[in-house]
Amino acid sequence: MDIKGHELKLLWEKFKKEDYETAMYVEKGICEWFRTGDENLFDRLINEASNAFEYWRYIYEKQEGTINMNFLLGFRYRLREVCCNKLFGETWNEYKSME
């Protein structure tokens, strides 16, 4: 799987085509994170954060900026859990306790 770039939305769409089941697990996890039944929440939030890397990299050139940090935090936690499970067959806490 060769997925590269900075736009989260495009990266996510490519990943979702490669591993739909895992992508849905992550998307549902974000809804749980925000305690909502809004099935469009993930799409809205990833769209808002899609260009975050480039935007914040050049923030000094802009007057203002905002981003939903709770989304990025929840997304990171869920991805960490998924990656740990896929790579090591363990939860993050199990993997971390082996250090």
N, C-alpha and C. Protein backbone atom coordinates (compact mmCIF):
# COMPACT_ATOMS: atom_id res chain seq x y z
N MET A 1 0.85 -1.16 0.00
CA MET A 1 0.00 0.00 0.00
C MET A 1 0.90 1.23 0.00
N ASP A 2 0.85 2.01 -1.06
CA ASP A 2 1.69 3.20 -1.19
C ASP A 2 0.80 4.43 -1.15
N ILE A 3 0.61 4.97 0.04
CA ILE A 3 -0.26 6.13 0.22
C ILE A 3 0.60 7.26 0.75
N LYS A 4 0.67 8.36 -0.02
CA LYS A 4 1.50 9.49 0.37
C LYS A 4 0.75 10.79 0.17
N GLY A 5 1.20 11.83 0.85
CA GLY A 5 0.62 13.16 0.69
C GLY A 5 0.40 13.82 2.04
N HIS A 6 -0.20 15.00 2.01
CA HIS A 6 -0.46 15.74 3.23
C HIS A 6 -1.94 15.98 3.51
N GLU A 7 -2.79 15.85 2.49
CA GLU A 7 -4.21 16.12 2.68
C GLU A 7 -4.88 14.91 3.33
N LEU A 8 -5.31 15.10 4.58
CA LEU A 8 -5.90 14.00 5.33
C LEU A 8 -7.09 13.37 4.61
N LYS A 9 -7.95 14.17 4.03
CA LYS A 9 -9.14 13.65 3.36
C LYS A 9 -8.76 12.70 2.22
N LEU A 10 -7.81 13.12 1.38
CA LEU A 10 -7.38 12.27 0.26
C LEU A 10 -6.67 11.01 0.76
N LEU A 11 -5.83 11.18 1.75
CA LEU A 11 -5.14 10.03 2.33
C LEU A 11 -6.15 9.03 2.91
N TRP A 12 -7.15 9.57 3.61
CA TRP A 12 -8.15 8.71 4.22
C TRP A 12 -8.96 7.97 3.16
N GLU A 13 -9.33 8.65 2.08
CA GLU A 13 -10.09 8.01 1.01
C GLU A 13 -9.29 6.87 0.39
N LYS A 14 -8.00 7.07 0.19
CA LYS A 14 -7.14 6.01 -0.37
C LYS A 14 -7.05 4.83 0.61
N PHE A 15 -6.85 5.15 1.88
CA PHE A 15 -6.77 4.10 2.88
C PHE A 15 -8.08 3.32 2.97
N LYS A 16 -9.20 4.03 2.91
CA LYS A 16 -10.51 3.39 3.02
C LYS A 16 -10.74 2.40 1.89
N LYS A 17 -10.21 2.70 0.70
CA LYS A 17 -10.33 1.76 -0.42
C LYS A 17 -9.49 0.51 -0.17
N GLU A 18 -8.37 0.67 0.52
CA GLU A 18 -7.48 -0.46 0.80
C GLU A 18 -7.97 -1.33 1.96
N ASP A 19 -8.55 -0.69 2.98
CA ASP A 19 -8.95 -1.43 4.18
C ASP A 19 -10.23 -0.83 4.75
N TYR A 20 -11.33 -1.11 4.09
CA TYR A 20 -12.63 -0.53 4.44
C TYR A 20 -13.03 -0.86 5.87
N GLU A 21 -12.83 -2.09 6.28
CA GLU A 21 -13.24 -2.53 7.62
C GLU A 21 -12.54 -1.72 8.71
N THR A 22 -11.24 -1.55 8.59
CA THR A 22 -10.49 -0.78 9.58
C THR A 22 -10.90 0.68 9.54
N ALA A 23 -11.11 1.21 8.35
CA ALA A 23 -11.52 2.61 8.22
C ALA A 23 -12.86 2.84 8.92
N MET A 24 -13.79 1.93 8.75
CA MET A 24 -15.09 2.07 9.40
C MET A 24 -14.96 1.98 10.92
N TYR A 25 -14.07 1.12 11.39
CA TYR A 25 -13.81 1.01 12.83
C TYR A 25 -13.32 2.35 13.37
N VAL A 26 -12.41 2.98 12.67
CA VAL A 26 -11.88 4.28 13.09
C VAL A 26 -12.97 5.35 13.05
N GLU A 27 -13.73 5.38 11.97
CA GLU A 27 -14.79 6.39 11.83
C GLU A 27 -15.84 6.24 12.94
N LYS A 28 -16.23 5.03 13.24
CA LYS A 28 -17.20 4.80 14.32
C LYS A 28 -16.58 5.18 15.67
N GLY A 29 -15.29 4.94 15.81
CA GLY A 29 -14.61 5.32 17.05
C GLY A 29 -14.62 6.82 17.28
N ILE A 30 -14.55 7.59 16.20
CA ILE A 30 -14.61 9.05 16.32
C ILE A 30 -16.01 9.46 16.80
N CYS A 31 -17.04 8.81 16.28
CA CYS A 31 -18.40 9.11 16.75
C CYS A 31 -18.54 8.78 18.24
N GLU A 32 -17.93 7.68 18.67
CA GLU A 32 -17.94 7.33 20.09
C GLU A 32 -17.16 8.37 20.89
N TRP A 33 -16.03 8.81 20.38
CA TRP A 33 -15.18 9.80 21.03
C TRP A 33 -15.98 11.08 21.31
N PHE A 34 -16.78 11.49 20.32
CA PHE A 34 -17.59 12.70 20.46
C PHE A 34 -18.98 12.42 21.02
N ARG A 35 -19.26 11.15 21.32
CA ARG A 35 -20.54 10.72 21.89
C ARG A 35 -21.71 11.24 21.06
N THR A 36 -21.69 10.88 19.79
CA THR A 36 -22.75 11.33 18.89
C THR A 36 -23.17 10.21 17.96
N GLY A 37 -24.40 10.29 17.51
CA GLY A 37 -24.90 9.34 16.52
C GLY A 37 -24.86 9.94 15.12
N ASP A 38 -24.30 11.13 14.99
CA ASP A 38 -24.21 11.82 13.70
C ASP A 38 -23.24 11.06 12.79
N GLU A 39 -23.78 10.35 11.81
CA GLU A 39 -22.96 9.52 10.93
C GLU A 39 -22.09 10.33 9.99
N ASN A 40 -22.37 11.62 9.83
CA ASN A 40 -21.58 12.48 8.95
C ASN A 40 -20.48 13.24 9.69
N LEU A 41 -20.41 13.07 11.00
CA LEU A 41 -19.44 13.82 11.80
C LEU A 41 -18.01 13.59 11.33
N PHE A 42 -17.63 12.34 11.14
CA PHE A 42 -16.25 12.05 10.73
C PHE A 42 -15.92 12.76 9.42
N ASP A 43 -16.80 12.67 8.44
CA ASP A 43 -16.55 13.31 7.14
C ASP A 43 -16.39 14.82 7.29
N ARG A 44 -17.24 15.44 8.08
CA ARG A 44 -17.13 16.89 8.28
C ARG A 44 -15.81 17.26 8.95
N LEU A 45 -15.45 16.51 9.99
CA LEU A 45 -14.24 16.84 10.73
C LEU A 45 -12.97 16.58 9.93
N ILE A 46 -12.94 15.50 9.17
CA ILE A 46 -11.74 15.23 8.37
C ILE A 46 -11.63 16.24 7.22
N ASN A 47 -12.76 16.69 6.71
CA ASN A 47 -12.73 17.75 5.69
C ASN A 47 -12.14 19.03 6.28
N GLU A 48 -12.58 19.39 7.48
CA GLU A 48 -12.07 20.60 8.13
C GLU A 48 -10.57 20.51 8.42
N ALA A 49 -10.11 19.33 8.76
CA ALA A 49 -8.70 19.15 9.14
C ALA A 49 -7.83 18.70 7.97
N SER A 50 -8.41 18.53 6.80
CA SER A 50 -7.71 17.94 5.67
C SER A 50 -6.39 18.63 5.33
N ASN A 51 -6.38 19.93 5.36
CA ASN A 51 -5.17 20.68 4.99
C ASN A 51 -4.43 21.21 6.21
N ALA A 52 -4.64 20.60 7.35
CA ALA A 52 -4.06 21.09 8.60
C ALA A 52 -2.54 21.17 8.54
N PHE A 53 -1.90 20.18 7.96
CA PHE A 53 -0.43 20.18 7.93
C PHE A 53 0.09 21.42 7.22
N GLU A 54 -0.39 21.66 6.03
CA GLU A 54 0.07 22.82 5.26
C GLU A 54 -0.36 24.13 5.92
N TYR A 55 -1.59 24.17 6.39
CA TYR A 55 -2.12 25.38 7.01
C TYR A 55 -1.26 25.80 8.21
N TRP A 56 -1.04 24.87 9.11
CA TRP A 56 -0.30 25.20 10.33
C TRP A 56 1.19 25.35 10.07
N ARG A 57 1.68 24.73 9.05
CA ARG A 57 3.10 24.90 8.70
C ARG A 57 3.39 26.35 8.32
N TYR A 58 2.41 26.99 7.69
CA TYR A 58 2.58 28.38 7.25
C TYR A 58 1.68 29.35 8.03
N ILE A 59 1.34 29.00 9.28
CA ILE A 59 0.43 29.82 10.07
C ILE A 59 0.98 31.23 10.28
N TYR A 60 2.27 31.40 10.31
CA TYR A 60 2.85 32.73 10.53
C TYR A 60 2.49 33.70 9.41
N GLU A 61 2.06 33.19 8.26
CA GLU A 61 1.68 34.04 7.14
C GLU A 61 0.19 34.42 7.19
N LYS A 62 -0.56 33.86 8.14
CA LYS A 62 -1.99 34.08 8.21
C LYS A 62 -2.35 34.94 9.42
N GLN A 63 -3.52 35.52 9.38
CA GLN A 63 -3.99 36.35 10.49
C GLN A 63 -4.54 35.51 11.64
N GLU A 64 -5.18 34.42 11.32
CA GLU A 64 -5.79 33.59 12.36
C GLU A 64 -5.98 32.17 11.84
N GLY A 65 -6.33 31.27 12.74
CA GLY A 65 -6.58 29.90 12.32
C GLY A 65 -7.14 29.09 13.46
N THR A 66 -7.99 28.13 13.11
CA THR A 66 -8.54 27.22 14.12
C THR A 66 -8.57 25.82 13.53
N ILE A 67 -8.58 24.86 14.42
CA ILE A 67 -8.70 23.46 14.04
C ILE A 67 -9.30 22.71 15.22
N ASN A 68 -10.07 21.69 14.96
CA ASN A 68 -10.68 20.91 16.02
C ASN A 68 -9.64 19.93 16.57
N MET A 69 -8.99 20.35 17.62
CA MET A 69 -7.93 19.52 18.23
C MET A 69 -8.49 18.23 18.82
N ASN A 70 -9.74 18.25 19.28
CA ASN A 70 -10.33 17.03 19.81
C ASN A 70 -10.45 15.97 18.74
N PHE A 71 -10.79 16.38 17.51
CA PHE A 71 -10.84 15.42 16.42
C PHE A 71 -9.46 14.82 16.17
N LEU A 72 -8.45 15.67 16.06
CA LEU A 72 -7.10 15.17 15.79
C LEU A 72 -6.61 14.26 16.91
N LEU A 73 -6.93 14.59 18.13
CA LEU A 73 -6.53 13.76 19.27
C LEU A 73 -7.22 12.40 19.22
N GLY A 74 -8.53 12.42 19.03
CA GLY A 74 -9.27 11.16 18.95
C GLY A 74 -8.85 10.31 17.77
N PHE A 75 -8.61 10.96 16.64
CA PHE A 75 -8.15 10.28 15.43
C PHE A 75 -6.79 9.62 15.68
N ARG A 76 -5.91 10.34 16.32
CA ARG A 76 -4.58 9.80 16.63
C ARG A 76 -4.68 8.59 17.56
N TYR A 77 -5.49 8.69 18.61
CA TYR A 77 -5.64 7.57 19.54
C TYR A 77 -6.17 6.33 18.84
N ARG A 78 -7.19 6.52 18.01
CA ARG A 78 -7.79 5.39 17.33
C ARG A 78 -6.81 4.77 16.33
N LEU A 79 -6.10 5.61 15.59
CA LEU A 79 -5.12 5.09 14.64
C LEU A 79 -3.98 4.37 15.36
N ARG A 80 -3.56 4.90 16.49
CA ARG A 80 -2.50 4.24 17.27
C ARG A 80 -2.94 2.85 17.69
N GLU A 81 -4.18 2.73 18.13
CA GLU A 81 -4.71 1.43 18.56
C GLU A 81 -4.77 0.45 17.38
N VAL A 82 -5.26 0.93 16.24
CA VAL A 82 -5.38 0.10 15.05
C VAL A 82 -4.00 -0.35 14.57
N CYS A 83 -3.06 0.57 14.50
CA CYS A 83 -1.70 0.23 14.04
C CYS A 83 -1.03 -0.76 14.96
N CYS A 84 -1.17 -0.56 16.25
CA CYS A 84 -0.56 -1.47 17.21
C CYS A 84 -1.14 -2.87 17.06
N ASN A 85 -2.44 -2.95 16.87
CA ASN A 85 -3.08 -4.24 16.71
C ASN A 85 -2.63 -4.92 15.42
N LYS A 86 -2.57 -4.16 14.33
CA LYS A 86 -2.17 -4.74 13.04
C LYS A 86 -0.69 -5.14 13.02
N LEU A 87 0.16 -4.32 13.62
CA LEU A 87 1.60 -4.60 13.58
C LEU A 87 2.05 -5.63 14.61
N PHE A 88 1.45 -5.56 15.82
CA PHE A 88 1.94 -6.40 16.91
C PHE A 88 0.90 -7.35 17.49
N GLY A 89 -0.35 -7.24 17.01
CA GLY A 89 -1.40 -8.12 17.53
C GLY A 89 -1.76 -7.84 18.97
N GLU A 90 -1.53 -6.61 19.41
CA GLU A 90 -1.80 -6.22 20.79
C GLU A 90 -2.47 -4.85 20.83
N THR A 91 -3.12 -4.57 21.96
CA THR A 91 -3.64 -3.22 22.16
C THR A 91 -2.46 -2.31 22.48
N TRP A 92 -2.69 -1.02 22.43
CA TRP A 92 -1.64 -0.06 22.76
C TRP A 92 -1.15 -0.28 24.20
N ASN A 93 -2.07 -0.48 25.13
CA ASN A 93 -1.67 -0.68 26.52
C ASN A 93 -0.86 -1.94 26.72
N GLU A 94 -1.20 -3.01 26.00
CA GLU A 94 -0.42 -4.25 26.08
C GLU A 94 0.98 -4.01 25.53
N TYR A 95 1.06 -3.37 24.40
CA TYR A 95 2.35 -3.08 23.76
C TYR A 95 3.20 -2.18 24.65
N LYS A 96 2.58 -1.15 25.18
CA LYS A 96 3.30 -0.19 26.02
C LYS A 96 3.84 -0.83 27.29
N SER A 97 3.12 -1.78 27.85
CA SER A 97 3.54 -2.42 29.11
C SER A 97 4.76 -3.33 28.90
N MET A 98 5.08 -3.65 27.64
CA MET A 98 6.23 -4.51 27.37
C MET A 98 7.55 -3.73 27.40
N GLU A 99 7.48 -2.41 27.42
CA GLU A 99 8.70 -1.59 27.38
C GLU A 99 9.56 -1.78 28.60
